[in-house]
Structures are given as C-alpha cells and as structure tokens.
Amino acid sequence: MGRKEIKDARRAQLIEATIDSIARYGFARTTLADVARQAKVSQGIVSFHFRSKQELLLATLRHMVGAYEAYSDAAVRRAGPSPAARLDAMVAADFDPAVASRKHVTVWYAFWGETRWRKDFLDLCTRWAAAYQERTRAVVQEVIDASGRAELDAAAIARGLNAMIDGLWLNILLDPKACDRKEALRTCRAYLAQTFPTEFGRQRPVASAA
C-alpha cells in the first residue's frame, strides 16, 4: 500500500470514528479526543490529518454525501432500464440499512441542524438536495413519459416524494418502533402507487429495506 493509500485509509478511519462519536454524543460533546479514542489512535494522529474539529466535521459531511450518492447510483444502475424500477430502486436505497440506520439518520439530522450556523454545511447540503431533487424529477419524468400521462407534474411529484422520505427518516429517528425502515418504504410505495397505479400498483419491488 502506497503513502497516499495509507493516508486515505487513516482519514476514512477517523471519519467513521467521527460518525460514531456524533451519533453517541452529539455535535457539542464530540471532540478530537473523543474521535481519537473511538478510532483507537492518539489525538496527535487526528490533528495531523485534520487541523481542527471544524475541518474534520466538514470532511465527514462530504464523505456522507459522497457515500450516499454512490450507494443510490449503484442501486439505480442495478435496477435496469425500466423507469419505474429505477425510481423504486432510488426510494428503496433511501431505506436500506447502509443508508438509513438509526446511527446514520441521527448524524444526518445533526448536520442539518447545524446548517443554520455553518455556511459551509448549508452550501454543501443545499447543493446536494438540489441535485437529488433534479435527479428524482428526471426519473419521475421518465415514468410519466412511459405512462403517457403528460398532465402530471414531475417536479411536484418528486418534491412530494423527497419531502415524504425526509419526514419518514425523522419518524425512524424519533420512534423506530412505530415506523421502521420497512414501514417507511411501504409508505413511499403507496404514494407512488396512488400516483402511478399502472406502474406501481402491481409492481414487484426491486429492493426492500432490511
């Protein structure tokens, strides 16, 4: 393993430790010392790779956004050419344990809560949300085109679906016994079945939330 690979692996280790620490202690109580303990390294190692807690947190947010996008993209590619199957795969990916574990949802909401005070967080989350909305709209438009229902508004349907996903993530965070990932996915599929009864009313799911 080369020097760059070693450096990248160490940074990834520290970022994962940061995710664990935020999920356990929250933003305010997470320190570089906490991250070092979680990663089982010295605090000097953390400071060598990240000059401040703020830099580490921004790197962690970037990592989470990148990992989310990569996971969702892979799910859509596996779904094949059918627009309905690809839209279903996007939604299913949002409730996969790799994306929507209670730990990860906790950390996502911690970051979103900080956007009011951190412009760098706000800018990154705003760009990500806009890109995901456009990506969802584009796939919804493909479903509309395939169904011949030109009267439907792809942007509005996509916005409603994404708002529903955000709300269901909050339900998972607040009361996972009342709304788990499987129930959340069923709720989104019910919304799609109401909107596209031919494509989703009898569609066999391409993926499921474990």
C-alpha atoms as a PDB file:
ATOM      1  CA  MET A   1       0.000   0.000   0.000  1.00  0.00           C
ATOM      2  CA  GLY A   2       1.404   3.391  -1.008  1.00  0.00           C
ATOM      3  CA  ARG A   3       1.665   6.505   1.116  1.00  0.00           C
ATOM      4  CA  LYS A   4      -1.476   8.085  -0.377  1.00  0.00           C
ATOM      5  CA  GLU A   5      -3.489   4.901   0.183  1.00  0.00           C
ATOM      6  CA  ILE A   6      -2.321   4.761   3.793  1.00  0.00           C
ATOM      7  CA  LYS A   7      -3.254   8.413   4.317  1.00  0.00           C
ATOM      8  CA  ASP A   8      -6.674   7.920   2.714  1.00  0.00           C
ATOM      9  CA  ALA A   9      -7.336   4.828   4.838  1.00  0.00           C
ATOM     10  CA  ARG A  10      -6.443   6.698   8.023  1.00  0.00           C
ATOM     11  CA  ARG A  11      -8.672   9.645   7.123  1.00  0.00           C
ATOM     12  CA  ALA A  12     -11.534   7.249   6.379  1.00  0.00           C
ATOM     13  CA  GLN A  13     -10.986   5.584   9.759  1.00  0.00           C
ATOM     14  CA  LEU A  14     -11.135   8.945  11.529  1.00  0.00           C
ATOM     15  CA  ILE A  15     -14.255   9.989   9.638  1.00  0.00           C
ATOM     16  CA  GLU A  16     -16.029   6.763  10.631  1.00  0.00           C
ATOM     17  CA  ALA A  17     -14.983   7.386  14.226  1.00  0.00           C
ATOM     18  CA  THR A  18     -16.438  10.890  13.950  1.00  0.00           C
ATOM     19  CA  ILE A  19     -19.755   9.485  12.716  1.00  0.00           C
ATOM     20  CA  ASP A  20     -19.823   7.103  15.684  1.00  0.00           C
ATOM     21  CA  SER A  21     -18.973   9.900  18.110  1.00  0.00           C
ATOM     22  CA  ILE A  22     -21.637  12.288  16.793  1.00  0.00           C
ATOM     23  CA  ALA A  23     -24.237   9.520  16.941  1.00  0.00           C
ATOM     24  CA  ARG A  24     -23.265   8.773  20.541  1.00  0.00           C
ATOM     25  CA  TYR A  25     -22.521  12.228  21.981  1.00  0.00           C
ATOM     26  CA  GLY A  26     -23.871  14.839  19.549  1.00  0.00           C
ATOM     27  CA  PHE A  27     -22.013  17.733  17.975  1.00  0.00           C
ATOM     28  CA  ALA A  28     -21.284  19.757  21.071  1.00  0.00           C
ATOM     29  CA  ARG A  29     -19.747  16.915  23.068  1.00  0.00           C
ATOM     30  CA  THR A  30     -17.729  15.438  20.209  1.00  0.00           C
ATOM     31  CA  THR A  31     -14.069  16.444  20.452  1.00  0.00           C
ATOM     32  CA  LEU A  32     -10.895  15.445  18.649  1.00  0.00           C
ATOM     33  CA  ALA A  33     -10.003  13.467  21.772  1.00  0.00           C
ATOM     34  CA  ASP A  34     -13.304  11.553  21.509  1.00  0.00           C
ATOM     35  CA  VAL A  35     -12.592  10.759  17.868  1.00  0.00           C
ATOM     36  CA  ALA A  36      -9.082   9.579  18.747  1.00  0.00           C
ATOM     37  CA  ARG A  37     -10.457   7.251  21.442  1.00  0.00           C
ATOM     38  CA  GLN A  38     -13.106   5.915  19.090  1.00  0.00           C
ATOM     39  CA  ALA A  39     -10.502   5.256  16.391  1.00  0.00           C
ATOM     40  CA  LYS A  40      -8.000   3.883  18.933  1.00  0.00           C
ATOM     41  CA  VAL A  41      -5.265   6.317  17.871  1.00  0.00           C
ATOM     42  CA  SER A  42      -3.518   9.237  19.539  1.00  0.00           C
ATOM     43  CA  GLN A  43      -5.030  12.705  19.370  1.00  0.00           C
ATOM     44  CA  GLY A  44      -1.884  13.763  17.545  1.00  0.00           C
ATOM     45  CA  ILE A  45      -2.813  11.451  14.667  1.00  0.00           C
ATOM     46  CA  VAL A  46      -6.202  13.147  14.397  1.00  0.00           C
ATOM     47  CA  SER A  47      -4.615  16.610  14.464  1.00  0.00           C
ATOM     48  CA  PHE A  48      -2.106  15.556  11.805  1.00  0.00           C
ATOM     49  CA  HIS A  49      -4.881  14.710   9.350  1.00  0.00           C
ATOM     50  CA  PHE A  50      -7.384  17.395  10.377  1.00  0.00           C
ATOM     51  CA  ARG A  51      -6.265  20.766  11.687  1.00  0.00           C
ATOM     52  CA  SER A  52      -9.489  21.407  13.615  1.00  0.00           C
ATOM     53  CA  LYS A  53     -12.775  19.892  14.639  1.00  0.00           C
ATOM     54  CA  GLN A  54     -14.480  22.096  12.037  1.00  0.00           C
ATOM     55  CA  GLU A  55     -12.306  20.683   9.257  1.00  0.00           C
ATOM     56  CA  LEU A  56     -12.980  17.131  10.412  1.00  0.00           C
ATOM     57  CA  LEU A  57     -16.737  17.721  10.546  1.00  0.00           C
ATOM     58  CA  LEU A  58     -16.815  19.172   7.032  1.00  0.00           C
ATOM     59  CA  ALA A  59     -14.808  16.210   5.724  1.00  0.00           C
ATOM     60  CA  THR A  60     -17.267  13.886   7.463  1.00  0.00           C
ATOM     61  CA  LEU A  61     -20.253  15.595   5.853  1.00  0.00           C
ATOM     62  CA  ARG A  62     -18.598  15.411   2.428  1.00  0.00           C
ATOM     63  CA  HIS A  63     -17.913  11.724   2.995  1.00  0.00           C
ATOM     64  CA  MET A  64     -21.525  11.037   3.938  1.00  0.00           C
ATOM     65  CA  VAL A  65     -22.863  12.891   0.903  1.00  0.00           C
ATOM     66  CA  GLY A  66     -20.469  11.036  -1.403  1.00  0.00           C
ATOM     67  CA  ALA A  67     -21.249   7.648   0.131  1.00  0.00           C
ATOM     68  CA  TYR A  68     -24.993   8.284  -0.111  1.00  0.00           C
ATOM     69  CA  GLU A  69     -24.767   9.315  -3.769  1.00  0.00           C
ATOM     70  CA  ALA A  70     -22.588   6.335  -4.668  1.00  0.00           C
ATOM     71  CA  TYR A  71     -24.955   3.887  -2.951  1.00  0.00           C
ATOM     72  CA  SER A  72     -28.044   5.373  -4.590  1.00  0.00           C
ATOM     73  CA  ASP A  73     -26.398   5.470  -8.029  1.00  0.00           C
ATOM     74  CA  ALA A  74     -25.377   1.821  -7.745  1.00  0.00           C
ATOM     75  CA  ALA A  75     -28.910   0.801  -6.756  1.00  0.00           C
ATOM     76  CA  VAL A  76     -30.369   2.615  -9.762  1.00  0.00           C
ATOM     77  CA  ARG A  77     -27.860   1.019 -12.142  1.00  0.00           C
ATOM     78  CA  ARG A  78     -28.736  -2.444 -10.851  1.00  0.00           C
ATOM     79  CA  ALA A  79     -32.442  -1.785 -11.431  1.00  0.00           C
ATOM     80  CA  GLY A  80     -32.060  -1.838 -15.221  1.00  0.00           C
ATOM     81  CA  PRO A  81     -33.697   0.273 -17.926  1.00  0.00           C
ATOM     82  CA  SER A  82     -37.283   0.437 -16.626  1.00  0.00           C
ATOM     83  CA  PRO A  83     -38.017   3.983 -15.329  1.00  0.00           C
ATOM     84  CA  ALA A  84     -40.434   2.650 -12.690  1.00  0.00           C
ATOM     85  CA  ALA A  85     -37.885   0.098 -11.475  1.00  0.00           C
ATOM     86  CA  ARG A  86     -35.180   2.753 -11.265  1.00  0.00           C
ATOM     87  CA  LEU A  87     -37.443   5.109  -9.296  1.00  0.00           C
ATOM     88  CA  ASP A  88     -38.363   2.276  -6.958  1.00  0.00           C
ATOM     89  CA  ALA A  89     -34.666   1.488  -6.512  1.00  0.00           C
ATOM     90  CA  MET A  90     -33.916   5.111  -5.581  1.00  0.00           C
ATOM     91  CA  VAL A  91     -36.581   5.022  -2.891  1.00  0.00           C
ATOM     92  CA  ALA A  92     -35.558   1.592  -1.614  1.00  0.00           C
ATOM     93  CA  ALA A  93     -31.944   2.759  -1.318  1.00  0.00           C
ATOM     94  CA  ASP A  94     -33.077   5.576   0.964  1.00  0.00           C
ATOM     95  CA  PHE A  95     -34.301   2.998   3.470  1.00  0.00           C
ATOM     96  CA  ASP A  96     -31.537   0.461   3.131  1.00  0.00           C
ATOM     97  CA  PRO A  97     -29.685  -0.225   6.423  1.00  0.00           C
ATOM     98  CA  ALA A  98     -26.467   1.021   4.828  1.00  0.00           C
ATOM     99  CA  VAL A  99     -28.075   4.445   4.373  1.00  0.00           C
ATOM    100  CA  ALA A 100     -30.859   4.752   6.926  1.00  0.00           C
ATOM    101  CA  SER A 101     -29.538   3.045  10.030  1.00  0.00           C
ATOM    102  CA  ARG A 102     -30.576   4.948  13.137  1.00  0.00           C
ATOM    103  CA  LYS A 103     -26.928   5.944  13.616  1.00  0.00           C
ATOM    104  CA  HIS A 104     -26.659   7.487  10.170  1.00  0.00           C
ATOM    105  CA  VAL A 105     -30.044   9.199  10.349  1.00  0.00           C
ATOM    106  CA  THR A 106     -29.015  10.670  13.717  1.00  0.00           C
ATOM    107  CA  VAL A 107     -25.845  12.094  12.204  1.00  0.00           C
ATOM    108  CA  TRP A 108     -27.632  13.441   9.131  1.00  0.00           C
ATOM    109  CA  TYR A 109     -30.057  15.357  11.342  1.00  0.00           C
ATOM    110  CA  ALA A 110     -27.175  16.619  13.466  1.00  0.00           C
ATOM    111  CA  PHE A 111     -25.545  18.106  10.377  1.00  0.00           C
ATOM    112  CA  TRP A 112     -28.795  19.546   9.052  1.00  0.00           C
ATOM    113  CA  GLY A 113     -29.408  21.164  12.420  1.00  0.00           C
ATOM    114  CA  GLU A 114     -26.016  22.882  12.229  1.00  0.00           C
ATOM    115  CA  THR A 115     -26.619  24.420   8.787  1.00  0.00           C
ATOM    116  CA  ARG A 116     -28.177  27.457  10.439  1.00  0.00           C
ATOM    117  CA  TRP A 117     -24.775  28.380  11.875  1.00  0.00           C
ATOM    118  CA  ARG A 118     -22.354  26.775   9.421  1.00  0.00           C
ATOM    119  CA  LYS A 119     -22.427  28.265   5.908  1.00  0.00           C
ATOM    120  CA  ASP A 120     -20.121  25.533   4.604  1.00  0.00           C
ATOM    121  CA  PHE A 121     -22.572  22.875   5.817  1.00  0.00           C
ATOM    122  CA  LEU A 122     -25.507  24.839   4.386  1.00  0.00           C
ATOM    123  CA  ASP A 123     -23.870  25.271   0.975  1.00  0.00           C
ATOM    124  CA  LEU A 124     -22.989  21.582   0.703  1.00  0.00           C
ATOM    125  CA  CYS A 125     -26.410  20.357   1.868  1.00  0.00           C
ATOM    126  CA  THR A 126     -28.215  22.834  -0.409  1.00  0.00           C
ATOM    127  CA  ARG A 127     -26.261  21.681  -3.475  1.00  0.00           C
ATOM    128  CA  TRP A 128     -26.817  18.044  -2.580  1.00  0.00           C
ATOM    129  CA  ALA A 129     -30.556  18.495  -2.010  1.00  0.00           C
ATOM    130  CA  ALA A 130     -30.966  20.406  -5.277  1.00  0.00           C
ATOM    131  CA  ALA A 131     -29.051  17.744  -7.217  1.00  0.00           C
ATOM    132  CA  TYR A 132     -31.101  14.940  -5.668  1.00  0.00           C
ATOM    133  CA  GLN A 133     -34.358  16.757  -6.383  1.00  0.00           C
ATOM    134  CA  GLU A 134     -33.353  17.151 -10.028  1.00  0.00           C
ATOM    135  CA  ARG A 135     -32.278  13.532 -10.259  1.00  0.00           C
ATOM    136  CA  THR A 136     -35.569  12.370  -8.774  1.00  0.00           C
ATOM    137  CA  ARG A 137     -37.530  14.706 -11.059  1.00  0.00           C
ATOM    138  CA  ALA A 138     -35.748  13.337 -14.121  1.00  0.00           C
ATOM    139  CA  VAL A 139     -36.605   9.726 -13.273  1.00  0.00           C
ATOM    140  CA  VAL A 140     -40.204  10.667 -12.403  1.00  0.00           C
ATOM    141  CA  GLN A 141     -40.446  12.425 -15.773  1.00  0.00           C
ATOM    142  CA  GLU A 142     -39.318   9.219 -17.472  1.00  0.00           C
ATOM    143  CA  VAL A 143     -42.071   7.321 -15.670  1.00  0.00           C
ATOM    144  CA  ILE A 144     -44.585   9.973 -16.781  1.00  0.00           C
ATOM    145  CA  ASP A 145     -43.385   9.795 -20.382  1.00  0.00           C
ATOM    146  CA  ALA A 146     -43.591   5.984 -20.386  1.00  0.00           C
ATOM    147  CA  SER A 147     -47.101   6.100 -18.910  1.00  0.00           C
ATOM    148  CA  GLY A 148     -48.363   8.717 -21.363  1.00  0.00           C
ATOM    149  CA  ARG A 149     -49.755  10.871 -18.539  1.00  0.00           C
ATOM    150  CA  ALA A 150     -48.429  14.228 -19.693  1.00  0.00           C
ATOM    151  CA  GLU A 151     -50.748  16.090 -17.296  1.00  0.00           C
ATOM    152  CA  LEU A 152     -48.637  15.066 -14.291  1.00  0.00           C
ATOM    153  CA  ASP A 153     -46.079  17.477 -12.818  1.00  0.00           C
ATOM    154  CA  ALA A 154     -42.770  15.653 -12.384  1.00  0.00           C
ATOM    155  CA  ALA A 155     -41.192  18.348 -10.210  1.00  0.00           C
ATOM    156  CA  ALA A 156     -44.133  18.404  -7.789  1.00  0.00           C
ATOM    157  CA  ILE A 157     -44.273  14.603  -7.547  1.00  0.00           C
ATOM    158  CA  ALA A 158     -40.524  14.413  -6.916  1.00  0.00           C
ATOM    159  CA  ARG A 159     -40.684  17.170  -4.310  1.00  0.00           C
ATOM    160  CA  GLY A 160     -43.524  15.428  -2.506  1.00  0.00           C
ATOM    161  CA  LEU A 161     -41.700  12.101  -2.560  1.00  0.00           C
ATOM    162  CA  ASN A 162     -38.466  13.586  -1.219  1.00  0.00           C
ATOM    163  CA  ALA A 163     -40.303  15.518   1.483  1.00  0.00           C
ATOM    164  CA  MET A 164     -42.023  12.278   2.487  1.00  0.00           C
ATOM    165  CA  ILE A 165     -38.650  10.497   2.712  1.00  0.00           C
ATOM    166  CA  ASP A 166     -37.254  13.292   4.918  1.00  0.00           C
ATOM    167  CA  GLY A 167     -40.260  13.034   7.196  1.00  0.00           C
ATOM    168  CA  LEU A 168     -40.045   9.264   7.408  1.00  0.00           C
ATOM    169  CA  TRP A 169     -36.359   9.497   8.304  1.00  0.00           C
ATOM    170  CA  LEU A 170     -37.426  11.768  11.155  1.00  0.00           C
ATOM    171  CA  ASN A 171     -40.021   9.181  12.221  1.00  0.00           C
ATOM    172  CA  ILE A 172     -37.315   6.494  12.215  1.00  0.00           C
ATOM    173  CA  LEU A 173     -35.136   8.728  14.384  1.00  0.00           C
ATOM    174  CA  LEU A 174     -37.848   9.678  16.881  1.00  0.00           C
ATOM    175  CA  ASP A 175     -39.719   6.384  17.212  1.00  0.00           C
ATOM    176  CA  PRO A 176     -38.220   3.464  15.256  1.00  0.00           C
ATOM    177  CA  LYS A 177     -40.697   1.043  16.811  1.00  0.00           C
ATOM    178  CA  ALA A 178     -43.640   2.961  15.363  1.00  0.00           C
ATOM    179  CA  CYS A 179     -42.031   3.460  11.942  1.00  0.00           C
ATOM    180  CA  ASP A 180     -39.150   1.247  10.879  1.00  0.00           C
ATOM    181  CA  ARG A 181     -37.432   1.176   7.501  1.00  0.00           C
ATOM    182  CA  LYS A 182     -39.790  -1.436   6.063  1.00  0.00           C
ATOM    183  CA  GLU A 183     -42.862   0.567   7.048  1.00  0.00           C
ATOM    184  CA  ALA A 184     -41.302   3.742   5.646  1.00  0.00           C
ATOM    185  CA  LEU A 185     -40.612   2.041   2.318  1.00  0.00           C
ATOM    186  CA  ARG A 186     -44.190   0.711   2.190  1.00  0.00           C
ATOM    187  CA  THR A 187     -45.463   4.253   2.752  1.00  0.00           C
ATOM    188  CA  CYS A 188     -43.442   5.656  -0.146  1.00  0.00           C
ATOM    189  CA  ARG A 189     -44.534   2.835  -2.429  1.00  0.00           C
ATOM    190  CA  ALA A 190     -48.163   3.514  -1.514  1.00  0.00           C
ATOM    191  CA  TYR A 191     -47.651   7.155  -2.566  1.00  0.00           C
ATOM    192  CA  LEU A 192     -46.156   6.038  -5.879  1.00  0.00           C
ATOM    193  CA  ALA A 193     -48.960   3.521  -6.416  1.00  0.00           C
ATOM    194  CA  GLN A 194     -51.542   6.283  -5.973  1.00  0.00           C
ATOM    195  CA  THR A 195     -49.676   8.467  -8.446  1.00  0.00           C
ATOM    196  CA  PHE A 196     -48.781   5.748 -10.947  1.00  0.00           C
ATOM    197  CA  PRO A 197     -51.303   2.924 -10.392  1.00  0.00           C
ATOM    198  CA  THR A 198     -50.336   1.003 -13.533  1.00  0.00           C
ATOM    199  CA  GLU A 199     -46.574   1.158 -12.920  1.00  0.00           C
ATOM    200  CA  PHE A 200     -46.539   0.754  -9.132  1.00  0.00           C
ATOM    201  CA  GLY A 201     -49.927  -0.658  -8.141  1.00  0.00           C
ATOM    202  CA  ARG A 202     -48.906  -4.191  -9.021  1.00  0.00           C
ATOM    203  CA  GLN A 203     -45.156  -3.667  -9.367  1.00  0.00           C
ATOM    204  CA  ARG A 204     -42.966  -6.277  -7.793  1.00  0.00           C
ATOM    205  CA  PRO A 205     -40.454  -4.382  -5.620  1.00  0.00           C
ATOM    206  CA  VAL A 206     -36.894  -4.374  -6.935  1.00  0.00           C
ATOM    207  CA  ALA A 207     -35.430  -3.980  -3.461  1.00  0.00           C
ATOM    208  CA  SER A 208     -36.522  -3.914   0.134  1.00  0.00           C
ATOM    209  CA  ALA A 209     -35.450  -2.304   3.370  1.00  0.00           C
ATOM    210  CA  ALA A 210     -33.896  -4.932   5.625  1.00  0.00           C
END
